[in-house]
Amino acid sequence: MSRTRLLAPADAPVLAELIRRNRAFLDPWEPVRDESYFTDEGQVQLTQAALEAMDAGLTNPRVILDEDGAVVGRINLNNIVRGPFQSASVGYWLAESAGGRGLATQAVAELVEFAFTELGLHRLEAGTIPHNLRSQAVLARNGFVRFGYAPRYLQIAGAYTDHILFQRLADD
């Protein structure tokens, strides 16, 4: 069974509810969000924007599915760059109740396969906060290797936060 599928407009209210229920769990790993992010309408707007960016070739937004097909998270190829770079960034989150069962690992594996075979990308990159050991393990299980450390790389939970950078190449 596939663990991911393309994001659809009908996912917006489901994602809004999932985000609201998991807000405290996700807050330490996410940028500070405007309150509209947690609303159905906010997720409708974000979903529409993500699908428009996909049509422009800039992203591939997907949802992560549980064993029963329920949406339990998001996974994306972001910042797709063509030309000689052929690269994208991987980002994902999973509901707290869905953790520890291999769903994120399976979702990343599917996204890697899709990126390298269907999209013909050469390189994928992902970054994690240094103490996010679970996410680092997901990346390692999918063949990503550490290639750098970026001080104050991204604003997370209201502060610029260091990140460990990982990559995977199609020919590795």
N, C-alpha and C. Protein backbone atom coordinates (compact mmCIF):
# COMPACT_ATOMS: atom_id res chain seq x y z
N MET A 1 0.83 -1.19 0.00
CA MET A 1 0.00 0.00 0.00
C MET A 1 0.87 1.25 0.00
N SER A 2 0.46 2.22 -0.78
CA SER A 2 1.18 3.47 -0.83
C SER A 2 0.97 4.24 0.47
N ARG A 3 2.01 4.87 0.95
CA ARG A 3 1.93 5.69 2.17
C ARG A 3 1.72 7.16 1.87
N THR A 4 1.79 7.56 0.60
CA THR A 4 1.56 8.96 0.24
C THR A 4 0.65 9.02 -0.97
N ARG A 5 0.07 10.19 -1.14
CA ARG A 5 -0.64 10.52 -2.36
C ARG A 5 -0.60 12.03 -2.52
N LEU A 6 -0.88 12.48 -3.72
CA LEU A 6 -0.89 13.89 -4.00
C LEU A 6 -1.92 14.61 -3.13
N LEU A 7 -1.55 15.75 -2.62
CA LEU A 7 -2.46 16.61 -1.87
C LEU A 7 -3.65 16.98 -2.75
N ALA A 8 -4.84 16.97 -2.17
CA ALA A 8 -6.06 17.31 -2.90
C ALA A 8 -6.81 18.41 -2.14
N PRO A 9 -7.61 19.22 -2.83
CA PRO A 9 -8.38 20.27 -2.15
C PRO A 9 -9.23 19.73 -0.99
N ALA A 10 -9.76 18.54 -1.13
CA ALA A 10 -10.60 17.96 -0.06
C ALA A 10 -9.81 17.65 1.20
N ASP A 11 -8.49 17.66 1.13
CA ASP A 11 -7.66 17.37 2.31
C ASP A 11 -7.58 18.56 3.27
N ALA A 12 -7.91 19.76 2.80
CA ALA A 12 -7.71 20.96 3.61
C ALA A 12 -8.40 20.89 4.97
N PRO A 13 -9.70 20.57 5.08
CA PRO A 13 -10.30 20.52 6.42
C PRO A 13 -9.75 19.39 7.28
N VAL A 14 -9.38 18.29 6.66
CA VAL A 14 -8.79 17.17 7.40
C VAL A 14 -7.45 17.59 7.98
N LEU A 15 -6.64 18.26 7.17
CA LEU A 15 -5.34 18.75 7.65
C LEU A 15 -5.50 19.80 8.73
N ALA A 16 -6.48 20.69 8.58
CA ALA A 16 -6.71 21.72 9.60
C ALA A 16 -7.02 21.07 10.95
N GLU A 17 -7.88 20.07 10.94
CA GLU A 17 -8.22 19.37 12.19
C GLU A 17 -7.00 18.65 12.76
N LEU A 18 -6.24 18.00 11.91
CA LEU A 18 -5.04 17.28 12.34
C LEU A 18 -4.02 18.25 12.94
N ILE A 19 -3.84 19.38 12.31
CA ILE A 19 -2.89 20.39 12.81
C ILE A 19 -3.36 20.95 14.15
N ARG A 20 -4.64 21.20 14.26
CA ARG A 20 -5.16 21.73 15.54
C ARG A 20 -4.95 20.71 16.66
N ARG A 21 -5.25 19.43 16.39
CA ARG A 21 -5.10 18.40 17.42
C ARG A 21 -3.64 18.17 17.80
N ASN A 22 -2.73 18.45 16.90
CA ASN A 22 -1.30 18.18 17.12
C ASN A 22 -0.48 19.45 17.31
N ARG A 23 -1.14 20.55 17.57
CA ARG A 23 -0.45 21.84 17.65
C ARG A 23 0.67 21.83 18.67
N ALA A 24 0.41 21.39 19.87
CA ALA A 24 1.44 21.40 20.92
C ALA A 24 2.60 20.47 20.56
N PHE A 25 2.28 19.35 19.93
CA PHE A 25 3.31 18.39 19.52
C PHE A 25 4.19 18.97 18.41
N LEU A 26 3.59 19.66 17.44
CA LEU A 26 4.33 20.18 16.29
C LEU A 26 5.04 21.50 16.55
N ASP A 27 4.54 22.30 17.48
CA ASP A 27 5.09 23.64 17.71
C ASP A 27 6.62 23.69 17.86
N PRO A 28 7.26 22.78 18.60
CA PRO A 28 8.73 22.89 18.75
C PRO A 28 9.51 22.65 17.46
N TRP A 29 8.86 22.10 16.43
CA TRP A 29 9.56 21.73 15.20
C TRP A 29 9.18 22.62 14.02
N GLU A 30 8.29 23.58 14.25
CA GLU A 30 7.71 24.36 13.16
C GLU A 30 7.98 25.86 13.35
N PRO A 31 7.89 26.63 12.25
CA PRO A 31 7.90 28.09 12.40
C PRO A 31 6.67 28.54 13.19
N VAL A 32 6.75 29.71 13.77
CA VAL A 32 5.57 30.28 14.42
C VAL A 32 4.56 30.57 13.31
N ARG A 33 3.33 30.13 13.53
CA ARG A 33 2.29 30.25 12.50
C ARG A 33 1.25 31.29 12.91
N ASP A 34 0.74 32.02 11.93
CA ASP A 34 -0.40 32.90 12.13
C ASP A 34 -1.60 32.02 12.48
N GLU A 35 -2.52 32.55 13.25
CA GLU A 35 -3.69 31.77 13.67
C GLU A 35 -4.50 31.25 12.49
N SER A 36 -4.47 31.93 11.36
CA SER A 36 -5.23 31.49 10.19
C SER A 36 -4.74 30.13 9.67
N TYR A 37 -3.47 29.79 9.94
CA TYR A 37 -2.91 28.50 9.52
C TYR A 37 -3.71 27.34 10.10
N PHE A 38 -4.27 27.52 11.26
CA PHE A 38 -4.95 26.44 11.98
C PHE A 38 -6.44 26.34 11.63
N THR A 39 -6.88 27.14 10.69
CA THR A 39 -8.29 27.14 10.31
C THR A 39 -8.50 26.36 9.02
N ASP A 40 -9.74 25.94 8.80
CA ASP A 40 -10.07 25.26 7.54
C ASP A 40 -9.74 26.16 6.36
N GLU A 41 -10.16 27.44 6.44
CA GLU A 41 -9.92 28.37 5.34
C GLU A 41 -8.42 28.58 5.10
N GLY A 42 -7.65 28.67 6.17
CA GLY A 42 -6.21 28.80 6.02
C GLY A 42 -5.61 27.61 5.30
N GLN A 43 -6.06 26.41 5.62
CA GLN A 43 -5.55 25.22 4.94
C GLN A 43 -6.05 25.14 3.50
N VAL A 44 -7.27 25.64 3.23
CA VAL A 44 -7.75 25.71 1.85
C VAL A 44 -6.81 26.59 1.02
N GLN A 45 -6.46 27.76 1.57
CA GLN A 45 -5.57 28.67 0.85
C GLN A 45 -4.19 28.07 0.65
N LEU A 46 -3.65 27.42 1.68
CA LEU A 46 -2.32 26.79 1.56
C LEU A 46 -2.35 25.64 0.57
N THR A 47 -3.42 24.87 0.56
CA THR A 47 -3.55 23.76 -0.38
C THR A 47 -3.61 24.29 -1.81
N GLN A 48 -4.41 25.32 -2.04
CA GLN A 48 -4.50 25.92 -3.38
C GLN A 48 -3.15 26.44 -3.84
N ALA A 49 -2.44 27.12 -2.94
CA ALA A 49 -1.13 27.66 -3.28
C ALA A 49 -0.14 26.55 -3.59
N ALA A 50 -0.19 25.48 -2.81
CA ALA A 50 0.73 24.35 -3.05
C ALA A 50 0.45 23.69 -4.39
N LEU A 51 -0.82 23.53 -4.74
CA LEU A 51 -1.16 22.91 -6.02
C LEU A 51 -0.80 23.82 -7.19
N GLU A 52 -0.92 25.13 -7.02
CA GLU A 52 -0.49 26.07 -8.06
C GLU A 52 1.03 26.01 -8.23
N ALA A 53 1.76 25.93 -7.12
CA ALA A 53 3.22 25.82 -7.18
C ALA A 53 3.62 24.51 -7.85
N MET A 54 2.85 23.45 -7.61
CA MET A 54 3.13 22.17 -8.27
C MET A 54 2.93 22.32 -9.78
N ASP A 55 1.86 22.98 -10.19
CA ASP A 55 1.62 23.19 -11.62
C ASP A 55 2.75 23.98 -12.27
N ALA A 56 3.40 24.83 -11.48
CA ALA A 56 4.54 25.61 -11.98
C ALA A 56 5.85 24.82 -11.91
N GLY A 57 5.80 23.59 -11.39
CA GLY A 57 6.99 22.76 -11.30
C GLY A 57 7.89 23.05 -10.13
N LEU A 58 7.38 23.77 -9.11
CA LEU A 58 8.22 24.20 -8.01
C LEU A 58 8.15 23.29 -6.78
N THR A 59 7.12 22.47 -6.68
CA THR A 59 6.92 21.64 -5.50
C THR A 59 6.13 20.40 -5.88
N ASN A 60 6.12 19.43 -4.99
CA ASN A 60 5.24 18.27 -5.13
C ASN A 60 4.67 18.01 -3.74
N PRO A 61 3.46 18.50 -3.48
CA PRO A 61 2.85 18.37 -2.15
C PRO A 61 2.06 17.08 -2.01
N ARG A 62 2.30 16.35 -0.92
CA ARG A 62 1.65 15.07 -0.72
C ARG A 62 1.16 14.96 0.72
N VAL A 63 0.26 14.03 0.95
CA VAL A 63 -0.17 13.69 2.30
C VAL A 63 0.38 12.32 2.64
N ILE A 64 0.59 12.09 3.94
CA ILE A 64 1.03 10.78 4.43
C ILE A 64 -0.21 10.06 4.94
N LEU A 65 -0.32 8.78 4.58
CA LEU A 65 -1.49 7.98 4.91
C LEU A 65 -1.16 6.89 5.92
N ASP A 66 -2.08 6.66 6.83
CA ASP A 66 -2.00 5.57 7.80
C ASP A 66 -2.40 4.27 7.11
N GLU A 67 -2.31 3.15 7.84
CA GLU A 67 -2.66 1.85 7.28
C GLU A 67 -4.09 1.80 6.75
N ASP A 68 -4.99 2.57 7.37
CA ASP A 68 -6.39 2.57 6.95
C ASP A 68 -6.70 3.63 5.89
N GLY A 69 -5.67 4.32 5.41
CA GLY A 69 -5.86 5.33 4.38
C GLY A 69 -6.14 6.73 4.91
N ALA A 70 -6.22 6.88 6.22
CA ALA A 70 -6.47 8.20 6.82
C ALA A 70 -5.22 9.08 6.68
N VAL A 71 -5.44 10.38 6.48
CA VAL A 71 -4.34 11.34 6.41
C VAL A 71 -3.78 11.55 7.81
N VAL A 72 -2.46 11.38 7.96
CA VAL A 72 -1.80 11.54 9.26
C VAL A 72 -0.61 12.50 9.20
N GLY A 73 -0.40 13.15 8.06
CA GLY A 73 0.70 14.08 7.95
C GLY A 73 0.88 14.59 6.54
N ARG A 74 1.95 15.36 6.36
CA ARG A 74 2.29 15.93 5.05
C ARG A 74 3.74 15.62 4.75
N ILE A 75 4.04 15.50 3.46
CA ILE A 75 5.41 15.37 2.98
C ILE A 75 5.49 16.10 1.65
N ASN A 76 6.57 16.81 1.44
CA ASN A 76 6.68 17.64 0.24
C ASN A 76 8.08 17.60 -0.34
N LEU A 77 8.13 17.72 -1.65
CA LEU A 77 9.34 18.14 -2.33
C LEU A 77 9.17 19.64 -2.51
N ASN A 78 10.06 20.42 -1.94
CA ASN A 78 9.99 21.88 -2.03
C ASN A 78 11.17 22.41 -2.82
N ASN A 79 11.02 23.62 -3.30
CA ASN A 79 12.13 24.32 -3.98
C ASN A 79 12.77 23.46 -5.06
N ILE A 80 11.94 22.88 -5.92
CA ILE A 80 12.47 22.09 -7.03
C ILE A 80 13.20 23.02 -7.98
N VAL A 81 14.45 22.69 -8.25
CA VAL A 81 15.28 23.48 -9.15
C VAL A 81 15.72 22.57 -10.30
N ARG A 82 15.48 23.01 -11.49
CA ARG A 82 15.85 22.24 -12.68
C ARG A 82 17.20 22.72 -13.21
N GLY A 83 17.45 22.54 -14.48
CA GLY A 83 18.72 22.92 -15.07
C GLY A 83 19.81 22.00 -14.58
N PRO A 84 21.03 22.50 -14.44
CA PRO A 84 22.13 21.63 -14.04
C PRO A 84 22.03 21.13 -12.59
N PHE A 85 21.20 21.77 -11.76
CA PHE A 85 21.11 21.40 -10.34
C PHE A 85 20.23 20.17 -10.13
N GLN A 86 19.03 20.12 -10.70
CA GLN A 86 18.10 18.99 -10.59
C GLN A 86 17.97 18.54 -9.13
N SER A 87 17.52 19.47 -8.28
CA SER A 87 17.51 19.24 -6.84
C SER A 87 16.20 19.71 -6.22
N ALA A 88 15.92 19.21 -5.03
CA ALA A 88 14.75 19.65 -4.26
C ALA A 88 15.02 19.41 -2.78
N SER A 89 14.23 20.07 -1.95
CA SER A 89 14.27 19.88 -0.50
C SER A 89 13.10 19.00 -0.09
N VAL A 90 13.34 18.16 0.90
CA VAL A 90 12.30 17.29 1.45
C VAL A 90 11.88 17.85 2.81
N GLY A 91 10.58 17.94 3.03
CA GLY A 91 10.05 18.34 4.32
C GLY A 91 8.85 17.49 4.66
N TYR A 92 8.67 17.18 5.94
CA TYR A 92 7.54 16.35 6.33
C TYR A 92 7.21 16.56 7.79
N TRP A 93 5.96 16.22 8.14
CA TRP A 93 5.53 16.16 9.54
C TRP A 93 4.50 15.06 9.66
N LEU A 94 4.39 14.54 10.85
CA LEU A 94 3.50 13.42 11.13
C LEU A 94 2.79 13.68 12.44
N ALA A 95 1.52 13.32 12.51
CA ALA A 95 0.76 13.44 13.76
C ALA A 95 1.43 12.61 14.85
N GLU A 96 1.33 13.08 16.07
CA GLU A 96 1.97 12.38 17.19
C GLU A 96 1.50 10.94 17.29
N SER A 97 0.22 10.69 17.11
CA SER A 97 -0.32 9.33 17.25
C SER A 97 0.17 8.38 16.16
N ALA A 98 0.69 8.92 15.06
CA ALA A 98 1.16 8.09 13.96
C ALA A 98 2.66 7.80 14.04
N GLY A 99 3.34 8.36 15.02
CA GLY A 99 4.79 8.19 15.13
C GLY A 99 5.18 6.81 15.62
N GLY A 100 6.41 6.43 15.30
CA GLY A 100 6.98 5.19 15.82
C GLY A 100 6.52 3.93 15.11
N ARG A 101 5.84 4.07 13.97
CA ARG A 101 5.35 2.89 13.26
C ARG A 101 5.94 2.76 11.86
N GLY A 102 6.92 3.59 11.55
CA GLY A 102 7.58 3.50 10.25
C GLY A 102 6.90 4.26 9.13
N LEU A 103 5.84 5.00 9.44
CA LEU A 103 5.11 5.71 8.38
C LEU A 103 5.96 6.81 7.74
N ALA A 104 6.68 7.57 8.54
CA ALA A 104 7.54 8.62 7.98
C ALA A 104 8.65 8.01 7.14
N THR A 105 9.23 6.92 7.62
CA THR A 105 10.29 6.25 6.85
C THR A 105 9.75 5.78 5.50
N GLN A 106 8.57 5.16 5.51
CA GLN A 106 7.97 4.69 4.26
C GLN A 106 7.61 5.85 3.34
N ALA A 107 7.08 6.93 3.91
CA ALA A 107 6.71 8.09 3.10
C ALA A 107 7.94 8.72 2.44
N VAL A 108 9.02 8.85 3.20
CA VAL A 108 10.25 9.41 2.61
C VAL A 108 10.77 8.48 1.52
N ALA A 109 10.73 7.18 1.74
CA ALA A 109 11.18 6.23 0.71
C ALA A 109 10.38 6.40 -0.58
N GLU A 110 9.07 6.54 -0.46
CA GLU A 110 8.24 6.75 -1.65
C GLU A 110 8.58 8.05 -2.35
N LEU A 111 8.78 9.10 -1.56
CA LEU A 111 9.08 10.39 -2.15
C LEU A 111 10.44 10.37 -2.86
N VAL A 112 11.41 9.71 -2.27
CA VAL A 112 12.73 9.58 -2.89
C VAL A 112 12.60 8.86 -4.23
N GLU A 113 11.90 7.75 -4.24
CA GLU A 113 11.70 6.98 -5.48
C GLU A 113 11.02 7.84 -6.54
N PHE A 114 9.96 8.54 -6.16
CA PHE A 114 9.24 9.41 -7.08
C PHE A 114 10.15 10.51 -7.62
N ALA A 115 10.92 11.15 -6.73
CA ALA A 115 11.79 12.26 -7.14
C ALA A 115 12.84 11.81 -8.15
N PHE A 116 13.43 10.66 -7.90
CA PHE A 116 14.51 10.21 -8.77
C PHE A 116 14.01 9.54 -10.05
N THR A 117 12.90 8.83 -9.99
CA THR A 117 12.44 8.13 -11.20
C THR A 117 11.45 8.95 -12.01
N GLU A 118 10.41 9.46 -11.37
CA GLU A 118 9.37 10.19 -12.10
C GLU A 118 9.80 11.61 -12.47
N LEU A 119 10.45 12.30 -11.54
CA LEU A 119 10.85 13.69 -11.79
C LEU A 119 12.25 13.82 -12.35
N GLY A 120 13.05 12.77 -12.27
CA GLY A 120 14.40 12.80 -12.81
C GLY A 120 15.35 13.71 -12.06
N LEU A 121 15.08 13.92 -10.76
CA LEU A 121 15.98 14.76 -9.98
C LEU A 121 17.28 14.01 -9.67
N HIS A 122 18.33 14.77 -9.41
CA HIS A 122 19.64 14.20 -9.10
C HIS A 122 19.93 14.21 -7.60
N ARG A 123 19.35 15.19 -6.87
CA ARG A 123 19.74 15.41 -5.47
C ARG A 123 18.54 15.83 -4.65
N LEU A 124 18.48 15.28 -3.43
CA LEU A 124 17.48 15.70 -2.45
C LEU A 124 18.21 16.14 -1.19
N GLU A 125 17.67 17.17 -0.57
CA GLU A 125 18.25 17.72 0.65
C GLU A 125 17.18 17.78 1.73
N ALA A 126 17.59 17.60 2.98
CA ALA A 126 16.70 17.76 4.12
C ALA A 126 17.52 18.30 5.28
N GLY A 127 16.87 19.07 6.14
CA GLY A 127 17.54 19.60 7.32
C GLY A 127 16.74 19.29 8.56
N THR A 128 17.44 19.06 9.66
CA THR A 128 16.78 18.81 10.94
C THR A 128 17.44 19.64 12.03
N ILE A 129 16.63 19.97 13.03
CA ILE A 129 17.18 20.57 14.25
C ILE A 129 18.10 19.52 14.88
N PRO A 130 19.24 19.91 15.44
CA PRO A 130 20.18 18.91 15.96
C PRO A 130 19.58 17.90 16.93
N HIS A 131 18.61 18.26 17.74
CA HIS A 131 18.06 17.30 18.70
C HIS A 131 16.86 16.52 18.16
N ASN A 132 16.56 16.65 16.87
CA ASN A 132 15.47 15.89 16.27
C ASN A 132 16.00 14.54 15.77
N LEU A 133 16.31 13.68 16.72
CA LEU A 133 16.95 12.40 16.41
C LEU A 133 16.03 11.47 15.62
N ARG A 134 14.73 11.54 15.86
CA ARG A 134 13.80 10.67 15.14
C ARG A 134 13.81 11.00 13.64
N SER A 135 13.79 12.27 13.32
CA SER A 135 13.81 12.66 11.91
C SER A 135 15.15 12.30 11.27
N GLN A 136 16.23 12.46 12.02
CA GLN A 136 17.54 12.07 11.49
C GLN A 136 17.59 10.57 11.20
N ALA A 137 16.96 9.78 12.05
CA ALA A 137 16.91 8.33 11.83
C ALA A 137 16.09 7.99 10.58
N VAL A 138 14.99 8.70 10.36
CA VAL A 138 14.18 8.49 9.15
C VAL A 138 15.04 8.75 7.91
N LEU A 139 15.77 9.85 7.93
CA LEU A 139 16.62 10.19 6.79
C LEU A 139 17.73 9.16 6.59
N ALA A 140 18.38 8.75 7.67
CA ALA A 140 19.45 7.75 7.56
C ALA A 140 18.93 6.43 6.99
N ARG A 141 17.75 6.01 7.44
CA ARG A 141 17.16 4.77 6.91
C ARG A 141 16.86 4.87 5.42
N ASN A 142 16.77 6.08 4.92
CA ASN A 142 16.48 6.29 3.50
C ASN A 142 17.71 6.70 2.70
N GLY A 143 18.89 6.48 3.26
CA GLY A 143 20.12 6.70 2.52
C GLY A 143 20.62 8.12 2.48
N PHE A 144 20.04 9.01 3.26
CA PHE A 144 20.55 10.38 3.33
C PHE A 144 21.81 10.40 4.20
N VAL A 145 22.77 11.21 3.81
CA VAL A 145 24.00 11.35 4.59
C VAL A 145 24.17 12.81 4.99
N ARG A 146 24.74 12.99 6.15
CA ARG A 146 25.02 14.34 6.65
C ARG A 146 26.10 14.98 5.78
N PHE A 147 25.86 16.24 5.39
CA PHE A 147 26.87 16.93 4.61
C PHE A 147 27.19 18.31 5.14
N GLY A 148 26.47 18.75 6.18
CA GLY A 148 26.78 20.07 6.68
C GLY A 148 26.02 20.44 7.93
N TYR A 149 26.45 21.55 8.50
CA TYR A 149 25.82 22.10 9.69
C TYR A 149 25.60 23.58 9.41
N ALA A 150 24.35 24.02 9.54
CA ALA A 150 24.01 25.40 9.22
C ALA A 150 23.57 26.14 10.47
N PRO A 151 24.43 27.02 11.01
CA PRO A 151 24.05 27.80 12.19
C PRO A 151 22.90 28.77 11.88
N ARG A 152 21.97 28.87 12.82
CA ARG A 152 20.86 29.82 12.70
C ARG A 152 20.23 29.77 11.30
N TYR A 153 19.94 28.58 10.83
CA TYR A 153 19.52 28.31 9.46
C TYR A 153 18.08 28.69 9.17
N LEU A 154 17.19 28.39 10.10
CA LEU A 154 15.76 28.53 9.84
C LEU A 154 15.06 28.94 11.12
N GLN A 155 14.06 29.79 10.99
CA GLN A 155 13.33 30.24 12.17
C GLN A 155 12.31 29.17 12.57
N ILE A 156 12.54 28.56 13.71
CA ILE A 156 11.69 27.50 14.25
C ILE A 156 11.29 27.91 15.67
N ALA A 157 10.01 27.77 15.97
CA ALA A 157 9.49 28.09 17.30
C ALA A 157 9.92 29.50 17.75
N GLY A 158 10.02 30.41 16.80
CA GLY A 158 10.31 31.81 17.12
C GLY A 158 11.76 32.20 17.20
N ALA A 159 12.67 31.30 16.91
CA ALA A 159 14.10 31.63 16.99
C ALA A 159 14.84 30.98 15.82
N TYR A 160 15.86 31.67 15.33
CA TYR A 160 16.69 31.06 14.29
C TYR A 160 17.44 29.90 14.91
N THR A 161 17.29 28.75 14.28
CA THR A 161 17.75 27.49 14.86
C THR A 161 18.77 26.82 13.95
N ASP A 162 19.82 26.29 14.57
CA ASP A 162 20.82 25.52 13.82
C ASP A 162 20.15 24.29 13.21
N HIS A 163 20.69 23.83 12.09
CA HIS A 163 20.19 22.62 11.42
C HIS A 163 21.36 21.76 10.95
N ILE A 164 21.16 20.48 11.03
CA ILE A 164 22.06 19.52 10.39
C ILE A 164 21.49 19.27 9.01
N LEU A 165 22.34 19.34 7.99
CA LEU A 165 21.91 19.17 6.61
C LEU A 165 22.27 17.78 6.10
N PHE A 166 21.32 17.17 5.41
CA PHE A 166 21.47 15.83 4.85
C PHE A 166 21.17 15.88 3.36
N GLN A 167 21.76 14.97 2.62
CA GLN A 167 21.44 14.86 1.20
C GLN A 167 21.46 13.41 0.76
N ARG A 168 20.78 13.19 -0.34
CA ARG A 168 20.84 11.89 -1.02
C ARG A 168 20.92 12.18 -2.50
N LEU A 169 21.84 11.48 -3.16
CA LEU A 169 22.02 11.63 -4.60
C LEU A 169 21.42 10.43 -5.31
N ALA A 170 20.89 10.67 -6.48
CA ALA A 170 20.23 9.61 -7.24
C ALA A 170 21.17 8.47 -7.56
N ASP A 171 22.43 8.76 -7.76
CA ASP A 171 23.37 7.71 -8.16
C ASP A 171 24.14 7.11 -6.98
N ASP A 172 23.69 7.39 -5.76
CA ASP A 172 24.32 6.76 -4.57
C ASP A 172 23.66 5.44 -4.26
